[in-house]
Amino acid sequence: MLVIVAPGQGAQTPGFLTPWLEDPVFAARFDWLATVAGIDLAHFGTEADAETIRDTKVAQPLLVATGLVAALDLFPHPADAFSRIGAVAGHSVGELTAAAGARAITAEQAMVLVRERGNAMADAAAITATGMTAVLGGDREEVLAAVERHGLTAANDNGPGQVVAAGTTEQLAAFAEDPPAKARLVPLSVAGAFHTTHMGPAVDRLSSLARSVSTHDPRTPVISNRDGQVVHDGRDVLRRIVGQIANPVRWDLCMETMSDLGVTGILEMPPAGTLTGIAKRALKGVETFALKTPDQLDAAREFCDKHGEASMIETTPTWRMVVSPAKGTFHLSSEAVERDALEPGVVIGAVASLRDRVDVSAPHGGSVVEWLVEDGDLVSPGQPLLRLHPEGSS
């Protein structure tokens, strides 16, 4: 099973876009998205230095535009992508790339949102002197305890041996003086404490914009940074992306879900390398492909052909299907099973695991066509639970 992932801020390097822009079709598509964002992204991706493209206002739109246009190069016919990709996920701002790639939002909506996201996060970071530090190695529980002891937030949990702590510069300085045992601290060159409560003002700004954004249910399962759940309601995809600005990125749980789905291959969109590197350490036996330059496209397509398979979700139309958000045991709601029609938002049951219990609702409602699971069945992330017809909902 193939998973496509999109990197987050920090993956960009000076000049990484240069070989891609040699293709006039790529250049024209990229210019359109840059125009939508109102930023000269071609300049920043080819001529700007590392310090310039570190700016949140530049880095985030640059990453999203690159990932979306490269996806069209990889899959010239989008229908081919939906017949091969088992799931998509993005790290931090990469969630906007993933959401647009899955057609939950349009590419143009993604560019407006990422522009405003970058601006709002930069403004929020300017309020208080904050930063982020990567914690490499050490015992996981000891690392998390030390982060909490110093009043910091584990803003990124990227799996075995890599947690990113975030907070004020004073908190980070104290943390550096009292590090966890057997751990190495690496201060990150970022503008602020992203994915913490310090980003609250940015969430408020994006929430206001998101209310006016039309969404569609994704054409392929989307794995959420918030908790690793598979999300199949377009409005919920966007809601989670906005809220994630001030909440930790649980990439460890995203990879756990990929494993539960049976992933065999992970392809990272450009500028690639960060997420495939993490996957090599955390998901043993899973093949990875870091798409960095256009001369790799033929090999990348072969990789997709090797690992691709049809999604469990029927996409004509996708909103007729209610899917499981996580791995666990499905407990059917006795009230829902007795009804021939369900209202939008009604809870149809819950998926319970050793970690938690997650309610499952029918976002759109409709007439019950077929229950695809029974009470007590073991289910996997993204597994269809219930088929609905849109007529009959109130």
Protein backbone atom coordinates (compact mmCIF):
# COMPACT_ATOMS: atom_id res chain seq x y z
CA MET A 1 0.00 0.00 0.00
CA LEU A 2 1.30 3.43 -1.01
CA VAL A 3 1.29 6.51 1.23
CA ILE A 4 2.22 9.95 -0.13
CA VAL A 5 3.64 12.39 2.43
CA ALA A 6 4.39 16.12 2.24
CA PRO A 7 7.17 17.72 4.32
CA GLY A 8 6.89 20.67 6.67
CA GLN A 9 8.87 23.82 7.27
CA GLY A 10 12.60 23.23 7.48
CA ALA A 11 12.73 20.90 4.47
CA GLN A 12 13.50 23.78 2.09
CA THR A 13 17.09 24.43 0.98
CA PRO A 14 18.55 27.21 -1.19
CA GLY A 15 18.04 26.58 -4.90
CA PHE A 16 16.03 23.36 -4.50
CA LEU A 17 13.42 24.58 -6.99
CA THR A 18 15.87 25.35 -9.83
CA PRO A 19 15.76 22.00 -11.68
CA TRP A 20 11.97 21.82 -11.43
CA LEU A 21 11.48 25.21 -13.08
CA GLU A 22 13.43 24.09 -16.15
CA ASP A 23 10.22 22.35 -17.25
CA PRO A 24 7.98 25.05 -18.81
CA VAL A 25 4.78 23.22 -17.82
CA PHE A 26 5.89 23.01 -14.19
CA ALA A 27 7.01 26.65 -14.32
CA ALA A 28 3.65 27.83 -15.66
CA ARG A 29 1.67 25.91 -13.05
CA PHE A 30 3.99 27.10 -10.30
CA ASP A 31 3.68 30.70 -11.48
CA TRP A 32 -0.10 30.43 -11.22
CA LEU A 33 0.01 29.28 -7.60
CA ALA A 34 2.61 31.93 -6.76
CA THR A 35 0.31 34.54 -8.30
CA VAL A 36 -2.58 33.30 -6.18
CA ALA A 37 -0.39 33.67 -3.09
CA GLY A 38 0.91 37.05 -4.23
CA ILE A 39 4.54 36.05 -3.61
CA ASP A 40 7.49 35.68 -6.01
CA LEU A 41 8.04 32.06 -5.03
CA ALA A 42 10.24 31.28 -8.04
CA HIS A 43 12.79 33.80 -6.78
CA PHE A 44 12.76 32.38 -3.27
CA GLY A 45 13.08 28.80 -4.51
CA THR A 46 16.02 29.51 -6.82
CA GLU A 47 17.99 32.59 -5.74
CA ALA A 48 17.29 33.33 -2.07
CA ASP A 49 19.69 32.25 0.67
CA ALA A 50 18.95 29.94 3.59
CA GLU A 51 18.19 32.76 6.02
CA THR A 52 15.67 34.34 3.66
CA ILE A 53 13.72 31.15 3.00
CA ARG A 54 13.70 30.36 6.72
CA ASP A 55 11.12 33.15 7.06
CA THR A 56 7.78 31.53 7.86
CA LYS A 57 5.99 33.85 5.44
CA VAL A 58 8.17 32.53 2.61
CA ALA A 59 8.88 28.92 3.54
CA GLN A 60 5.31 27.76 3.99
CA PRO A 61 3.84 28.91 0.63
CA LEU A 62 7.02 27.74 -1.11
CA LEU A 63 6.64 24.21 0.25
CA VAL A 64 2.93 23.87 -0.49
CA ALA A 65 3.18 25.19 -4.06
CA THR A 66 6.13 22.92 -4.83
CA GLY A 67 4.41 19.83 -3.49
CA LEU A 68 1.18 20.46 -5.36
CA VAL A 69 2.77 21.15 -8.75
CA ALA A 70 5.18 18.23 -8.38
CA ALA A 71 2.18 15.99 -7.69
CA LEU A 72 0.76 16.94 -11.10
CA ASP A 73 4.09 15.99 -12.68
CA LEU A 74 4.06 12.67 -10.86
CA PHE A 75 0.40 11.95 -11.69
CA PRO A 76 -0.50 13.85 -14.90
CA HIS A 77 -3.97 12.30 -14.68
CA PRO A 78 -5.28 12.74 -11.10
CA ALA A 79 -7.62 9.76 -11.47
CA ASP A 80 -4.51 7.58 -11.72
CA ALA A 81 -3.38 8.88 -8.34
CA PHE A 82 -6.66 8.07 -6.61
CA SER A 83 -6.52 4.52 -7.97
CA ARG A 84 -3.06 3.96 -6.48
CA ILE A 85 -2.69 6.01 -3.30
CA GLY A 86 -3.78 4.31 -0.09
CA ALA A 87 -3.50 7.43 2.08
CA VAL A 88 -1.88 10.86 2.28
CA ALA A 89 -0.37 12.79 5.18
CA GLY A 90 1.54 16.02 5.64
CA HIS A 91 3.84 17.16 8.42
CA SER A 92 2.68 20.49 9.86
CA VAL A 93 2.14 22.87 6.90
CA GLY A 94 2.42 19.80 4.67
CA GLU A 95 -1.12 18.98 5.78
CA LEU A 96 -2.35 21.71 3.43
CA THR A 97 -0.46 20.05 0.57
CA ALA A 98 -2.01 16.70 1.48
CA ALA A 99 -5.53 18.15 1.82
CA ALA A 100 -5.38 19.82 -1.59
CA GLY A 101 -3.84 16.73 -3.16
CA ALA A 102 -6.72 14.66 -1.80
CA ARG A 103 -9.16 17.27 -3.17
CA ALA A 104 -10.59 18.21 0.23
CA ILE A 105 -9.76 21.80 -0.76
CA THR A 106 -8.55 23.30 -4.03
CA ALA A 107 -4.95 24.22 -4.77
CA GLU A 108 -5.95 27.89 -4.88
CA GLN A 109 -7.64 27.67 -1.48
CA ALA A 110 -4.54 25.98 -0.11
CA MET A 111 -2.33 28.82 -1.35
CA VAL A 112 -4.49 31.52 0.21
CA LEU A 113 -4.65 29.61 3.48
CA VAL A 114 -0.92 28.92 3.59
CA ARG A 115 -0.09 32.56 2.87
CA GLU A 116 -2.30 33.69 5.72
CA ARG A 117 -1.04 30.86 7.93
CA GLY A 118 2.56 31.95 7.43
CA ASN A 119 1.74 35.60 8.08
CA ALA A 120 -0.33 34.84 11.18
CA MET A 121 2.26 32.48 12.66
CA ALA A 122 5.04 35.02 12.08
CA ASP A 123 2.95 37.70 13.80
CA ALA A 124 2.21 35.37 16.72
CA ALA A 125 5.90 34.48 17.04
CA ALA A 126 6.79 38.17 17.32
CA ILE A 127 4.72 38.61 20.49
CA THR A 128 7.08 36.63 22.74
CA ALA A 129 10.66 35.44 22.23
CA THR A 130 10.22 31.71 21.64
CA GLY A 131 11.95 28.87 19.84
CA MET A 132 12.28 25.13 19.33
CA THR A 133 14.93 22.53 20.15
CA ALA A 134 15.20 19.01 18.77
CA VAL A 135 15.87 16.31 21.36
CA LEU A 136 17.70 13.40 19.76
CA GLY A 137 18.02 10.09 21.57
CA GLY A 138 17.45 9.44 25.24
CA ASP A 139 14.70 7.46 26.92
CA ARG A 140 11.34 8.61 25.56
CA GLU A 141 9.59 8.86 28.92
CA GLU A 142 12.54 10.69 30.48
CA VAL A 143 12.65 13.11 27.56
CA LEU A 144 8.94 13.91 27.79
CA ALA A 145 9.18 14.30 31.57
CA ALA A 146 12.08 16.75 31.20
CA VAL A 147 10.20 18.74 28.57
CA GLU A 148 7.21 19.04 30.89
CA ARG A 149 9.37 19.85 33.92
CA HIS A 150 10.74 22.93 32.18
CA GLY A 151 7.30 24.13 31.10
CA LEU A 152 7.95 23.30 27.47
CA THR A 153 5.69 21.58 24.93
CA ALA A 154 6.59 18.49 22.91
CA ALA A 155 5.55 20.33 19.74
CA ASN A 156 6.65 17.57 17.36
CA ASP A 157 6.74 13.90 18.28
CA ASN A 158 8.43 12.37 15.27
CA GLY A 159 8.82 8.85 16.57
CA PRO A 160 11.73 6.95 18.13
CA GLY A 161 14.53 9.22 19.23
CA GLN A 162 13.20 12.54 17.96
CA VAL A 163 11.05 14.94 19.95
CA VAL A 164 10.99 18.70 19.38
CA ALA A 165 10.57 20.86 22.49
CA ALA A 166 9.16 24.37 22.15
CA GLY A 167 8.65 27.33 24.46
CA THR A 168 10.16 30.63 25.53
CA THR A 169 13.86 31.30 25.09
CA GLU A 170 14.26 31.30 28.88
CA GLN A 171 12.62 27.89 29.18
CA LEU A 172 14.78 26.50 26.39
CA ALA A 173 17.94 27.90 28.00
CA ALA A 174 17.07 26.20 31.29
CA PHE A 175 16.34 22.99 29.38
CA ALA A 176 19.78 23.17 27.75
CA GLU A 177 21.37 23.41 31.21
CA ASP A 178 19.42 20.38 32.44
CA PRO A 179 19.01 18.03 29.45
CA PRO A 180 17.58 14.50 29.61
CA ALA A 181 20.12 11.74 30.09
CA LYS A 182 21.76 10.36 26.94
CA ALA A 183 20.00 12.93 24.75
CA ARG A 184 21.51 15.48 22.38
CA LEU A 185 19.87 18.90 22.07
CA VAL A 186 19.90 20.73 18.73
CA PRO A 187 18.42 24.26 18.66
CA LEU A 188 16.34 24.70 15.51
CA SER A 189 16.56 27.70 13.21
CA VAL A 190 12.88 28.63 13.37
CA ALA A 191 11.10 31.87 14.14
CA GLY A 192 9.00 30.75 17.10
CA ALA A 193 7.36 28.04 19.19
CA PHE A 194 5.14 26.55 16.52
CA HIS A 195 2.44 24.04 17.48
CA THR A 196 2.13 25.44 21.00
CA THR A 197 -0.30 27.79 22.73
CA HIS A 198 1.97 30.67 21.66
CA MET A 199 0.34 30.27 18.23
CA GLY A 200 -3.17 30.91 19.56
CA PRO A 201 -3.60 34.24 17.71
CA ALA A 202 -2.76 32.49 14.42
CA VAL A 203 -5.48 29.90 15.04
CA ASP A 204 -8.01 32.68 15.57
CA ARG A 205 -7.03 34.28 12.26
CA LEU A 206 -7.16 31.04 10.25
CA SER A 207 -10.41 29.94 11.89
CA SER A 208 -12.06 33.11 10.67
CA LEU A 209 -10.88 32.50 7.10
CA ALA A 210 -11.69 28.79 7.12
CA ARG A 211 -15.36 29.43 7.80
CA SER A 212 -15.66 30.78 4.25
CA VAL A 213 -13.78 27.92 2.58
CA SER A 214 -15.88 25.30 0.81
CA THR A 215 -14.64 21.74 1.30
CA HIS A 216 -15.20 18.32 -0.21
CA ASP A 217 -14.69 14.91 1.28
CA PRO A 218 -11.18 13.76 0.32
CA ARG A 219 -10.76 11.38 -2.60
CA THR A 220 -8.21 9.37 -0.61
CA PRO A 221 -7.86 8.85 3.17
CA VAL A 222 -6.12 11.70 5.01
CA ILE A 223 -4.10 10.89 8.15
CA SER A 224 -4.32 13.72 10.68
CA ASN A 225 -1.35 15.17 12.59
CA ARG A 226 -3.53 15.69 15.63
CA ASP A 227 -3.94 12.06 16.60
CA GLY A 228 -3.07 9.87 13.63
CA GLN A 229 -6.73 9.27 12.82
CA VAL A 230 -7.97 8.74 9.28
CA VAL A 231 -10.28 11.64 8.42
CA HIS A 232 -12.86 11.39 5.66
CA ASP A 233 -14.95 14.53 6.20
CA GLY A 234 -13.62 17.55 4.32
CA ARG A 235 -14.80 20.06 6.88
CA ASP A 236 -13.10 18.09 9.66
CA VAL A 237 -9.88 17.89 7.61
CA LEU A 238 -9.76 21.69 7.43
CA ARG A 239 -10.82 22.16 11.05
CA ARG A 240 -7.99 19.92 12.22
CA ILE A 241 -5.41 21.69 10.03
CA VAL A 242 -6.35 25.04 11.54
CA GLY A 243 -6.31 23.77 15.12
CA GLN A 244 -2.98 22.04 14.57
CA ILE A 245 -1.21 25.39 14.39
CA ALA A 246 -1.34 25.59 18.20
CA ASN A 247 -1.21 21.88 18.98
CA PRO A 248 1.56 19.26 18.79
CA VAL A 249 2.29 17.33 15.60
CA ARG A 250 1.95 13.64 16.42
CA TRP A 251 3.85 12.22 13.47
CA ASP A 252 4.56 9.15 15.58
CA LEU A 253 0.83 8.38 15.60
CA CYS A 254 0.59 9.10 11.86
CA MET A 255 3.25 6.47 11.21
CA GLU A 256 1.48 4.07 13.56
CA THR A 257 -1.65 4.46 11.44
CA MET A 258 0.34 3.92 8.25
CA SER A 259 1.56 0.66 9.74
CA ASP A 260 -2.00 -0.30 10.71
CA LEU A 261 -3.09 0.37 7.12
CA GLY A 262 -0.44 -2.03 5.83
CA VAL A 263 1.85 0.50 4.16
CA THR A 264 4.58 -1.01 2.00
CA GLY A 265 5.87 2.16 0.32
CA ILE A 266 6.14 5.84 1.36
CA LEU A 267 6.87 8.51 -1.23
CA GLU A 268 7.79 12.00 -0.01
CA MET A 269 7.05 15.00 -2.20
CA PRO A 270 9.77 17.62 -2.77
CA PRO A 271 11.75 19.00 -1.11
CA ALA A 272 12.06 15.44 0.17
CA GLY A 273 14.27 13.62 2.62
CA THR A 274 13.12 14.54 6.12
CA LEU A 275 10.05 12.30 6.40
CA THR A 276 11.54 9.37 4.52
CA GLY A 277 14.51 9.56 6.88
CA ILE A 278 12.19 9.31 9.88
CA ALA A 279 10.27 6.45 8.24
CA LYS A 280 13.45 4.44 7.68
CA ARG A 281 14.09 4.48 11.42
CA ALA A 282 10.52 3.94 12.59
CA LEU A 283 8.94 1.69 9.94
CA LYS A 284 11.38 -1.13 9.33
CA GLY A 285 10.76 -3.04 6.13
CA VAL A 286 8.80 -0.22 4.48
CA GLU A 287 10.35 1.06 1.26
CA THR A 288 10.77 4.81 0.90
CA PHE A 289 11.29 7.19 -2.01
CA ALA A 290 12.47 10.79 -1.55
CA LEU A 291 11.44 12.75 -4.65
CA LYS A 292 13.96 15.59 -4.80
CA THR A 293 14.50 16.39 -8.48
CA PRO A 294 12.49 15.95 -11.70
CA ASP A 295 14.98 13.45 -13.13
CA GLN A 296 13.62 11.00 -10.53
CA LEU A 297 10.03 11.16 -11.83
CA ASP A 298 10.16 7.99 -13.93
CA ALA A 299 11.61 6.03 -11.00
CA ALA A 300 8.99 7.57 -8.71
CA ARG A 301 6.19 6.43 -11.03
CA GLU A 302 7.62 2.91 -11.00
CA PHE A 303 7.66 3.07 -7.19
CA CYS A 304 4.00 4.11 -7.19
CA ASP A 305 3.09 1.30 -9.60
CA LYS A 306 4.88 -1.20 -7.37
CA HIS A 307 3.16 -0.18 -4.13
CA GLY A 308 -0.08 1.36 -5.35
CA GLU A 309 -3.44 -0.28 -4.88
CA ALA A 310 -7.04 0.85 -5.00
CA SER A 311 -8.31 2.65 -1.91
CA MET A 312 -10.89 0.95 0.28
CA ILE A 313 -13.00 4.09 -0.04
CA GLU A 314 -15.38 4.31 -2.98
CA THR A 315 -15.00 7.78 -4.42
CA THR A 316 -18.17 8.07 -6.52
CA PRO A 317 -19.32 9.87 -4.45
CA THR A 318 -17.12 9.62 -1.34
CA TRP A 319 -19.64 11.19 1.05
CA ARG A 320 -21.83 8.09 0.96
CA MET A 321 -19.31 6.16 3.03
CA VAL A 322 -18.57 6.43 6.76
CA VAL A 323 -15.11 5.09 7.59
CA SER A 324 -13.23 4.12 10.72
CA PRO A 325 -10.90 6.85 12.04
CA ALA A 326 -8.56 4.40 13.77
CA LYS A 327 -7.62 0.79 14.46
CA GLY A 328 -9.59 -0.99 17.18
CA THR A 329 -12.85 -2.72 18.02
CA PHE A 330 -16.02 -1.22 16.59
CA HIS A 331 -18.92 -0.85 19.01
CA LEU A 332 -22.17 -0.21 17.18
CA SER A 333 -24.70 2.27 18.54
CA SER A 334 -27.92 0.38 19.25
CA GLU A 335 -29.91 3.51 18.42
CA ALA A 336 -28.23 3.98 15.03
CA VAL A 337 -28.59 0.37 13.91
CA GLU A 338 -32.37 0.47 14.38
CA ARG A 339 -32.87 3.48 12.13
CA ASP A 340 -33.40 3.58 8.37
CA ALA A 341 -32.18 7.18 8.05
CA LEU A 342 -29.56 9.13 9.99
CA GLU A 343 -29.32 12.87 10.61
CA PRO A 344 -26.04 14.66 9.83
CA GLY A 345 -23.61 14.34 12.72
CA VAL A 346 -25.34 11.43 14.47
CA VAL A 347 -22.99 9.05 16.31
CA ILE A 348 -23.13 5.57 14.78
CA GLY A 349 -20.75 3.92 17.23
CA ALA A 350 -17.21 4.06 18.57
CA VAL A 351 -13.81 2.51 17.88
CA ALA A 352 -12.03 1.41 21.06
CA SER A 353 -8.33 0.61 21.38
CA LEU A 354 -5.91 0.26 24.24
CA ARG A 355 -5.07 3.95 23.81
CA ASP A 356 -8.51 5.56 23.63
CA ARG A 357 -12.11 5.39 22.46
CA VAL A 358 -13.18 7.46 19.46
CA ASP A 359 -16.79 8.22 18.57
CA VAL A 360 -17.70 7.76 14.90
CA SER A 361 -20.35 9.99 13.36
CA ALA A 362 -22.03 10.26 9.96
CA PRO A 363 -21.06 13.79 8.87
CA HIS A 364 -23.66 14.11 6.11
CA GLY A 365 -26.43 11.78 7.16
CA GLY A 366 -28.68 9.93 4.73
CA SER A 367 -30.61 6.71 4.21
CA VAL A 368 -28.90 3.57 5.46
CA VAL A 369 -28.02 1.37 2.50
CA GLU A 370 -25.77 -1.20 4.15
CA TRP A 371 -23.87 -1.79 7.38
CA LEU A 372 -20.46 -3.15 6.40
CA VAL A 373 -19.36 -4.24 9.89
CA GLU A 374 -20.98 -5.75 12.94
CA ASP A 375 -20.75 -4.89 16.61
CA GLY A 376 -17.45 -6.16 18.03
CA ASP A 377 -15.62 -6.38 14.68
CA LEU A 378 -11.95 -5.44 14.56
CA VAL A 379 -11.50 -2.53 12.13
CA SER A 380 -8.53 -0.76 10.58
CA PRO A 381 -8.03 2.97 9.86
CA GLY A 382 -10.07 4.07 6.85
CA GLN A 383 -12.12 0.85 6.72
CA PRO A 384 -15.68 1.51 5.47
CA LEU A 385 -18.27 0.97 8.20
CA LEU A 386 -21.54 2.16 6.71
CA ARG A 387 -22.89 3.00 3.26
CA LEU A 388 -25.39 5.88 3.07
CA HIS A 389 -27.54 7.37 0.34
CA PRO A 390 -27.97 11.16 0.53
CA GLU A 391 -31.76 11.02 0.27
CA GLY A 392 -33.57 10.61 3.54
CA SER A 393 -31.41 12.83 5.77
CA SER A 394 -33.04 15.76 7.47
